[in-house]
Amino acid sequence: MSISDPFLSPTSVLSAQRSCRRAGSWACAWLAVALMVQGPAVCAAPQGTPQNTQPDGPQPQQLASLDQAWTLAQRRSPEGRAHTLLVREDQGARLLAQDLSVGLQRFPEDSLELVRSMGHAGLQALSERLPWVAVDKRDLLPSARAHSHIAAGTNYAAHAREADIDEVFLFPKFSTPSPARSELRHEAGQLLDYEVELCLRADRDLANLADLQAAQLGFFLCGDLTDRAELLRRINTEDLTSGHGFSDAKSGPGRMPTGPYLVVPRDWRRWLQGVRLRSHVNGQLRQDAAASDMLKTPDRLLQQAWQRGLLPLWRYQGRPVPLLESGVLRQGQVLLTGTPEGVVYRAPSLGFRWRHGLAWFFGLSWLHHGPVRYVLDAQIREGLASGRFLQAGDVLEHSAEGLGQITVKIR
């Protein structure tokens, strides 16, 4: 049963609890505990996790052919200029590429500006006369630069089921993208979770569907690292899809690692059908799903954002924030399209809810806390004690064929 059911919603639980206090009725208090059994999604270990492992180190990948998509990357010269590269071959730790910036003597910070100005035909002609050079992947820049972005929640059906949320929702994310090989410090009290996502940005500002149809879109792999404890402390249990708590839990330095490649498809809808997203933790496969399984495609997510983007419905660091400043997705801002199933975050078991519901009642905690808040706090404590979330020393890897790999070392 969905958490949105009005008879089992957090609102019903809190209402029942208040009635219990007034009436002093044990039977009424038991009703509140029973209602709490269908409480909001919290966190538990993934069940049935696949056991196959990931080889150590970056692995060679098959890139899209030039008639399907352009695979771009960037590195910075000693003089500080951004060089846009056309990647021709992925060899694992290094790649073979052609330096488009040298060929054109243009060094824009956004590689999509070259695609917009030259077009596929112009870049094709240029590539036929440029030499190939070897590039160390460690020298590549992040695939995006902006600090504020739009992220989608529960945009894959299986992940929606494991999170017990039955609606695709959006929220703002504030994080400067980090490169494909990076580190993230684990702080005490965090429940650090992973999410692999397909991300995209455009070569222009997007204010409506016409802008989107005219734009060149660049797709890339990204991670969305989350402190589930912070999310559970701030989440609005009466309206999970409000996005409250998500911005605080998912924003900050190192929370958005990006893949090495920016892929510009000729037909992004067709290209999307061949993308598969994977996550490994310490070599163990955790996430593996087709990007085509997303419930709302990027254009539908953007339409949803344009409809509500100016409203101050979201909160970050205690203040209201809009999803889109001026109702526009600015050039360079990123749309994160959501993650598939396999994260650590899960709804608690029925036994967990009953056990802590009884503790809430017989421990007289109902004098101070509602049952939902009590269970959320218990789930945070259990998660911290379990060690199931990312810990110092773990190695997180995201990958997608043709989009490269992300490696994050937790320290």
Protein backbone atom coordinates (compact mmCIF):
# COMPACT_ATOMS: atom_id res chain seq x y z
CA MET A 1 0.00 0.00 0.00
CA SER A 2 1.28 3.44 -0.84
CA ILE A 3 2.33 5.92 1.79
CA SER A 4 0.00 8.37 0.07
CA ASP A 5 -3.03 6.36 1.31
CA PRO A 6 -4.93 8.90 3.49
CA PHE A 7 -5.83 6.25 6.07
CA LEU A 8 -2.18 5.34 6.65
CA SER A 9 -0.44 8.65 6.07
CA PRO A 10 1.83 10.35 8.62
CA THR A 11 -0.95 12.92 9.06
CA SER A 12 -3.30 10.16 10.23
CA VAL A 13 -0.66 8.84 12.61
CA LEU A 14 -0.05 12.22 14.21
CA SER A 15 -3.77 12.91 14.47
CA ALA A 16 -4.32 9.58 16.20
CA GLN A 17 -1.44 10.28 18.57
CA ARG A 18 -2.89 13.65 19.59
CA SER A 19 -6.26 12.02 20.22
CA CYS A 20 -4.56 9.43 22.44
CA ARG A 21 -3.01 12.12 24.58
CA ARG A 22 -6.35 13.80 25.10
CA ALA A 23 -8.31 10.62 25.79
CA GLY A 24 -5.63 8.68 27.66
CA SER A 25 -6.92 5.54 25.97
CA TRP A 26 -4.63 2.52 25.60
CA ALA A 27 -6.74 1.21 22.74
CA CYS A 28 -6.44 4.51 20.94
CA ALA A 29 -2.66 4.52 21.43
CA TRP A 30 -2.49 1.06 19.92
CA LEU A 31 -4.35 2.45 16.90
CA ALA A 32 -1.57 5.00 16.40
CA VAL A 33 1.03 2.23 16.57
CA ALA A 34 -0.88 0.18 14.01
CA LEU A 35 -1.12 3.16 11.69
CA MET A 36 2.60 3.73 12.07
CA VAL A 37 3.30 0.31 10.55
CA GLN A 38 2.81 1.90 7.15
CA GLY A 39 5.21 4.75 7.95
CA PRO A 40 7.49 6.53 5.46
CA ALA A 41 10.41 5.05 3.61
CA VAL A 42 13.65 4.96 5.54
CA CYS A 43 16.81 2.92 5.13
CA ALA A 44 17.96 -0.67 5.27
CA ALA A 45 20.47 -2.84 3.47
CA PRO A 46 19.82 -3.85 -0.14
CA GLN A 47 18.47 -7.37 -0.38
CA GLY A 48 19.53 -9.89 -2.99
CA THR A 49 22.51 -7.80 -4.13
CA PRO A 50 24.24 -9.36 -7.17
CA GLN A 51 27.64 -10.79 -6.30
CA ASN A 52 29.65 -10.38 -9.50
CA THR A 53 32.67 -8.11 -9.16
CA GLN A 54 34.29 -5.27 -11.07
CA PRO A 55 37.91 -5.60 -12.28
CA ASP A 56 40.39 -3.21 -10.68
CA GLY A 57 41.29 0.01 -12.49
CA PRO A 58 39.67 1.82 -15.44
CA GLN A 59 38.49 -0.60 -18.12
CA PRO A 60 38.49 0.07 -21.88
CA GLN A 61 35.08 1.00 -23.23
CA GLN A 62 33.39 0.90 -26.60
CA LEU A 63 32.50 4.45 -27.64
CA ALA A 64 29.60 5.54 -29.80
CA SER A 65 30.42 5.77 -33.50
CA LEU A 66 30.65 9.26 -34.98
CA ASP A 67 27.46 8.72 -36.96
CA GLN A 68 25.62 8.16 -33.65
CA ALA A 69 27.20 10.66 -31.27
CA TRP A 70 30.23 12.81 -30.53
CA THR A 71 32.17 11.81 -27.43
CA LEU A 72 33.89 14.88 -25.98
CA ALA A 73 36.22 15.49 -23.06
CA GLN A 74 38.22 18.43 -21.77
CA ARG A 75 41.61 19.02 -20.22
CA ARG A 76 43.32 22.23 -19.17
CA SER A 77 46.64 23.34 -20.64
CA PRO A 78 49.51 24.69 -18.51
CA GLU A 79 48.43 28.14 -19.71
CA GLY A 80 45.00 27.58 -18.15
CA ARG A 81 42.99 27.18 -21.37
CA ALA A 82 40.29 24.53 -21.70
CA HIS A 83 41.00 22.14 -24.59
CA THR A 84 38.01 20.30 -26.04
CA LEU A 85 38.88 16.80 -27.22
CA LEU A 86 37.06 14.50 -29.60
CA VAL A 87 37.58 11.08 -28.03
CA ARG A 88 38.23 8.35 -30.58
CA GLU A 89 39.33 5.40 -28.46
CA ASP A 90 39.10 4.48 -24.78
CA GLN A 91 42.06 2.36 -23.69
CA GLY A 92 41.33 2.16 -19.98
CA ALA A 93 43.75 4.42 -18.12
CA ARG A 94 44.22 6.65 -21.15
CA LEU A 95 42.35 7.68 -24.28
CA LEU A 96 43.18 8.62 -27.85
CA ALA A 97 41.65 11.88 -28.97
CA GLN A 98 41.80 14.78 -31.40
CA ASP A 99 42.23 18.28 -30.00
CA LEU A 100 39.39 20.29 -31.54
CA SER A 101 40.46 23.46 -29.74
CA VAL A 102 43.92 23.38 -31.31
CA GLY A 103 42.41 22.74 -34.73
CA LEU A 104 40.03 25.69 -34.41
CA GLN A 105 42.18 27.86 -32.12
CA ARG A 106 39.15 28.23 -29.89
CA PHE A 107 39.17 27.33 -26.20
CA PRO A 108 35.66 27.77 -24.75
CA GLU A 109 35.00 26.62 -21.19
CA ASP A 110 31.87 24.86 -22.46
CA SER A 111 32.71 22.28 -25.12
CA LEU A 112 29.11 22.39 -26.37
CA GLU A 113 29.81 25.84 -27.79
CA LEU A 114 32.04 24.22 -30.41
CA VAL A 115 29.29 21.79 -31.35
CA ARG A 116 26.75 24.60 -31.61
CA SER A 117 28.98 26.81 -33.78
CA MET A 118 30.43 24.11 -36.04
CA GLY A 119 27.63 21.58 -36.24
CA HIS A 120 28.18 17.86 -36.71
CA ALA A 121 29.18 18.28 -40.36
CA GLY A 122 31.79 20.94 -39.59
CA LEU A 123 33.30 18.93 -36.76
CA GLN A 124 33.33 15.84 -38.96
CA ALA A 125 35.36 17.68 -41.61
CA LEU A 126 37.74 19.01 -38.96
CA SER A 127 38.28 15.59 -37.43
CA GLU A 128 39.44 14.17 -40.76
CA ARG A 129 42.60 16.29 -40.69
CA LEU A 130 43.56 16.35 -37.01
CA PRO A 131 46.16 14.00 -35.49
CA TRP A 132 45.36 11.63 -32.66
CA VAL A 133 47.01 12.24 -29.29
CA ALA A 134 47.21 10.13 -26.13
CA VAL A 135 45.66 11.66 -23.00
CA ASP A 136 45.83 10.42 -19.41
CA LYS A 137 42.30 10.20 -17.99
CA ARG A 138 43.50 11.70 -14.72
CA ASP A 139 43.97 15.00 -16.56
CA LEU A 140 40.34 15.30 -17.64
CA LEU A 141 38.06 18.01 -16.28
CA PRO A 142 34.57 17.47 -14.82
CA SER A 143 31.81 17.24 -17.41
CA ALA A 144 29.96 20.24 -15.94
CA ARG A 145 30.85 23.44 -14.08
CA ALA A 146 27.69 25.02 -12.60
CA HIS A 147 26.82 24.83 -8.90
CA SER A 148 22.99 24.63 -8.90
CA HIS A 149 21.09 21.87 -10.67
CA ILE A 150 17.75 20.05 -10.94
CA ALA A 151 17.48 16.46 -9.72
CA ALA A 152 14.70 13.93 -10.17
CA GLY A 153 13.58 11.55 -7.44
CA THR A 154 12.09 8.06 -7.90
CA ASN A 155 12.18 8.23 -11.71
CA TYR A 156 12.66 4.46 -11.99
CA ALA A 157 9.80 2.18 -10.96
CA ALA A 158 11.95 -0.34 -9.06
CA HIS A 159 13.67 2.42 -7.09
CA ALA A 160 10.30 4.00 -6.35
CA ARG A 161 9.18 0.68 -4.85
CA GLU A 162 12.29 0.28 -2.70
CA ALA A 163 11.89 3.88 -1.46
CA ASP A 164 8.10 3.51 -1.06
CA ILE A 165 7.37 6.72 -2.97
CA ASP A 166 4.89 6.52 -5.82
CA GLU A 167 5.50 9.78 -7.69
CA VAL A 168 8.34 11.32 -9.71
CA PHE A 169 9.39 14.55 -8.02
CA LEU A 170 12.07 17.22 -8.48
CA PHE A 171 14.32 19.14 -6.12
CA PRO A 172 17.29 21.53 -6.40
CA LYS A 173 20.80 20.22 -5.82
CA PHE A 174 23.70 22.53 -4.97
CA SER A 175 27.10 21.01 -5.67
CA THR A 176 30.06 21.87 -7.87
CA PRO A 177 30.79 18.81 -10.06
CA SER A 178 33.99 16.91 -9.29
CA PRO A 179 36.10 14.88 -11.75
CA ALA A 180 35.74 11.20 -12.55
CA ARG A 181 38.49 10.22 -10.11
CA SER A 182 37.89 11.89 -6.76
CA GLU A 183 37.72 11.42 -3.00
CA LEU A 184 35.02 12.17 -0.44
CA ARG A 185 35.48 12.42 3.29
CA HIS A 186 33.08 10.42 5.44
CA GLU A 187 31.91 12.44 8.43
CA ALA A 188 30.80 10.99 11.76
CA GLY A 189 27.03 10.60 11.97
CA GLN A 190 26.50 10.29 8.22
CA LEU A 191 24.61 7.53 6.44
CA LEU A 192 26.43 7.98 3.14
CA ASP A 193 24.63 6.42 0.19
CA TYR A 194 25.36 6.18 -3.54
CA GLU A 195 23.25 6.78 -6.66
CA VAL A 196 24.32 6.47 -10.30
CA GLU A 197 22.50 8.76 -12.72
CA LEU A 198 22.40 9.82 -16.34
CA CYS A 199 22.85 13.59 -16.44
CA LEU A 200 22.59 16.17 -19.18
CA ARG A 201 23.11 19.83 -19.95
CA ALA A 202 22.46 22.03 -22.97
CA ASP A 203 24.39 24.45 -25.16
CA ARG A 204 21.94 27.28 -24.34
CA ASP A 205 19.41 28.45 -21.77
CA LEU A 206 16.24 26.34 -21.75
CA ALA A 207 13.01 28.18 -20.95
CA ASN A 208 10.53 26.08 -22.92
CA LEU A 209 10.13 23.07 -25.18
CA ALA A 210 11.12 25.04 -28.29
CA ASP A 211 14.49 25.87 -26.70
CA LEU A 212 15.00 22.20 -25.89
CA GLN A 213 14.20 21.08 -29.42
CA ALA A 214 16.72 23.56 -30.85
CA ALA A 215 19.48 22.71 -28.38
CA GLN A 216 22.47 20.43 -28.59
CA LEU A 217 22.34 18.19 -25.52
CA GLY A 218 25.36 16.68 -23.85
CA PHE A 219 24.86 13.57 -21.71
CA PHE A 220 27.25 12.29 -19.08
CA LEU A 221 27.50 9.91 -16.17
CA CYS A 222 27.23 11.32 -12.67
CA GLY A 223 26.90 10.25 -9.07
CA ASP A 224 24.49 11.66 -6.51
CA LEU A 225 25.94 11.03 -3.05
CA THR A 226 23.50 11.40 -0.19
CA ASP A 227 23.56 11.61 3.60
CA ARG A 228 20.44 9.62 4.42
CA ALA A 229 20.61 10.63 8.10
CA GLU A 230 20.31 14.29 7.14
CA LEU A 231 17.46 13.42 4.78
CA LEU A 232 15.55 11.54 7.48
CA ARG A 233 15.98 14.40 9.94
CA ARG A 234 14.60 16.99 7.53
CA ILE A 235 12.11 15.07 5.36
CA ASN A 236 8.50 16.24 5.31
CA THR A 237 6.70 13.03 6.23
CA GLU A 238 3.34 14.54 5.32
CA ASP A 239 4.49 15.24 1.75
CA LEU A 240 7.50 13.17 0.71
CA THR A 241 7.44 14.50 -2.85
CA SER A 242 7.80 18.08 -1.63
CA GLY A 243 11.54 17.42 -1.84
CA HIS A 244 12.15 18.83 1.64
CA GLY A 245 15.35 17.41 3.07
CA PHE A 246 16.67 16.21 -0.27
CA SER A 247 18.60 19.39 -1.12
CA ASP A 248 20.34 19.44 2.27
CA ALA A 249 21.13 15.71 2.14
CA LYS A 250 22.49 15.73 -1.42
CA SER A 251 24.31 19.07 -1.70
CA GLY A 252 27.83 20.10 -0.85
CA PRO A 253 31.43 19.48 -1.96
CA GLY A 254 32.15 16.11 -3.55
CA ARG A 255 28.50 15.07 -3.72
CA MET A 256 28.34 15.17 -7.55
CA PRO A 257 31.20 13.30 -9.25
CA THR A 258 30.95 13.33 -13.04
CA GLY A 259 32.11 10.96 -15.73
CA PRO A 260 34.97 11.83 -18.09
CA TYR A 261 32.92 12.10 -21.29
CA LEU A 262 30.25 14.44 -22.59
CA VAL A 263 28.31 12.54 -25.27
CA VAL A 264 26.38 14.58 -27.84
CA PRO A 265 23.99 12.24 -29.70
CA ARG A 266 22.53 13.04 -33.10
CA ASP A 267 19.25 11.48 -31.90
CA TRP A 268 19.23 11.42 -28.11
CA ARG A 269 16.01 9.41 -27.83
CA ARG A 270 17.42 6.56 -29.90
CA TRP A 271 20.82 6.77 -28.20
CA LEU A 272 19.18 6.59 -24.76
CA GLN A 273 17.85 3.10 -25.54
CA GLY A 274 21.38 1.67 -25.43
CA VAL A 275 22.57 3.19 -22.14
CA ARG A 276 22.95 0.95 -19.09
CA LEU A 277 23.90 2.33 -15.66
CA ARG A 278 25.91 0.38 -13.08
CA SER A 279 27.34 0.91 -9.60
CA HIS A 280 29.92 -1.20 -7.78
CA VAL A 281 31.03 -0.87 -4.15
CA ASN A 282 34.36 -2.53 -3.42
CA GLY A 283 33.93 -4.50 -6.64
CA GLN A 284 30.43 -5.76 -5.80
CA LEU A 285 27.65 -4.92 -8.25
CA ARG A 286 24.92 -2.86 -6.56
CA GLN A 287 23.02 -1.13 -9.39
CA ASP A 288 22.44 -2.35 -12.94
CA ALA A 289 19.59 -0.97 -15.05
CA ALA A 290 18.77 0.44 -18.47
CA ALA A 291 18.42 4.22 -18.65
CA SER A 292 15.43 3.64 -20.93
CA ASP A 293 13.58 2.32 -17.86
CA MET A 294 13.20 5.86 -16.50
CA LEU A 295 9.55 6.79 -16.00
CA LYS A 296 9.87 10.35 -17.32
CA THR A 297 12.26 11.17 -20.14
CA PRO A 298 14.41 14.33 -19.88
CA ASP A 299 11.97 16.46 -21.87
CA ARG A 300 9.10 15.49 -19.56
CA LEU A 301 11.21 16.23 -16.49
CA LEU A 302 12.02 19.67 -17.86
CA GLN A 303 8.36 20.35 -18.60
CA GLN A 304 7.60 19.47 -14.97
CA ALA A 305 10.36 21.84 -13.85
CA TRP A 306 9.10 24.72 -16.01
CA GLN A 307 5.59 24.34 -14.58
CA ARG A 308 6.68 24.78 -10.96
CA GLY A 309 10.24 26.09 -11.14
CA LEU A 310 9.60 29.62 -9.88
CA LEU A 311 7.57 28.61 -6.83
CA PRO A 312 9.51 28.79 -3.51
CA LEU A 313 8.39 25.29 -2.54
CA TRP A 314 11.79 23.83 -1.69
CA ARG A 315 14.10 24.50 1.23
CA TYR A 316 17.86 24.51 1.56
CA GLN A 317 19.80 25.39 4.70
CA GLY A 318 16.62 26.59 6.37
CA ARG A 319 15.45 29.00 3.68
CA PRO A 320 13.02 28.68 0.76
CA VAL A 321 14.57 28.26 -2.69
CA PRO A 322 13.06 27.93 -6.18
CA LEU A 323 13.78 24.98 -8.42
CA LEU A 324 14.74 27.30 -11.30
CA GLU A 325 15.93 30.88 -10.97
CA SER A 326 13.83 32.97 -13.39
CA GLY A 327 12.13 29.76 -14.54
CA VAL A 328 15.07 28.89 -16.83
CA LEU A 329 17.58 26.04 -16.85
CA ARG A 330 20.73 28.02 -17.57
CA GLN A 331 23.46 26.88 -19.93
CA GLY A 332 25.78 24.69 -17.89
CA GLN A 333 23.21 23.73 -15.27
CA VAL A 334 22.58 20.00 -15.05
CA LEU A 335 19.47 17.86 -15.06
CA LEU A 336 19.99 14.67 -13.02
CA THR A 337 17.43 12.19 -14.30
CA GLY A 338 17.20 9.89 -11.26
CA THR A 339 18.73 6.62 -10.12
CA PRO A 340 17.63 2.99 -10.58
CA GLU A 341 17.19 0.46 -7.79
CA GLY A 342 19.98 -0.94 -5.64
CA VAL A 343 20.86 1.88 -3.24
CA VAL A 344 21.24 1.19 0.48
CA TYR A 345 18.17 3.27 1.38
CA ARG A 346 15.10 1.05 1.81
CA ALA A 347 11.78 1.06 3.58
CA PRO A 348 12.03 -0.61 7.02
CA SER A 349 10.67 -4.09 7.51
CA LEU A 350 7.32 -4.72 9.13
CA GLY A 351 9.10 -6.26 12.11
CA PHE A 352 11.26 -3.18 12.55
CA ARG A 353 8.20 -0.94 12.55
CA TRP A 354 6.36 -3.08 15.09
CA ARG A 355 9.39 -3.46 17.34
CA HIS A 356 10.03 0.25 17.54
CA GLY A 357 6.34 1.05 17.61
CA LEU A 358 6.04 -1.02 20.77
CA ALA A 359 9.12 0.69 22.21
CA TRP A 360 7.56 4.06 21.40
CA PHE A 361 4.36 3.13 23.22
CA PHE A 362 5.60 1.22 26.27
CA GLY A 363 8.54 3.56 26.75
CA LEU A 364 6.06 6.46 27.00
CA SER A 365 7.86 8.21 24.15
CA TRP A 366 4.45 9.20 22.81
CA LEU A 367 4.47 11.88 25.50
CA HIS A 368 7.27 13.62 23.58
CA HIS A 369 7.43 12.28 20.01
CA GLY A 370 5.10 11.05 17.32
CA PRO A 371 5.54 7.42 16.18
CA VAL A 372 6.87 8.37 12.75
CA ARG A 373 9.61 10.60 14.16
CA TYR A 374 10.51 7.89 16.68
CA VAL A 375 10.89 5.24 13.96
CA LEU A 376 12.95 7.59 11.76
CA ASP A 377 15.35 8.30 14.64
CA ALA A 378 15.58 4.58 15.39
CA GLN A 379 16.37 3.86 11.76
CA ILE A 380 19.19 6.41 11.80
CA ARG A 381 20.66 4.77 14.90
CA GLU A 382 20.32 1.31 13.39
CA GLY A 383 21.91 2.46 10.13
CA LEU A 384 24.89 3.97 11.95
CA ALA A 385 25.41 0.78 13.94
CA SER A 386 25.04 -1.55 10.95
CA GLY A 387 27.95 -0.32 8.83
CA ARG A 388 25.92 -0.99 5.67
CA PHE A 389 26.33 2.51 4.29
CA LEU A 390 29.54 3.76 2.67
CA GLN A 391 32.46 3.84 5.09
CA ALA A 392 35.99 5.21 5.06
CA GLY A 393 38.11 2.92 2.88
CA ASP A 394 35.29 1.98 0.50
CA VAL A 395 35.69 2.44 -3.26
CA LEU A 396 32.59 3.43 -5.21
CA GLU A 397 32.48 2.97 -8.99
CA HIS A 398 29.80 4.14 -11.42
CA SER A 399 29.94 3.14 -15.08
CA ALA A 400 27.99 3.15 -18.32
CA GLU A 401 29.22 1.87 -21.67
CA GLY A 402 30.26 4.80 -23.83
CA LEU A 403 30.07 7.27 -20.93
CA GLY A 404 33.14 6.16 -19.00
CA GLN A 405 33.66 5.43 -15.34
CA ILE A 406 33.60 7.31 -12.05
CA THR A 407 35.73 6.21 -9.10
CA VAL A 408 35.21 7.77 -5.68
CA LYS A 409 37.37 6.76 -2.74
CA ILE A 410 35.73 7.29 0.63
CA ARG A 411 38.22 8.44 3.25
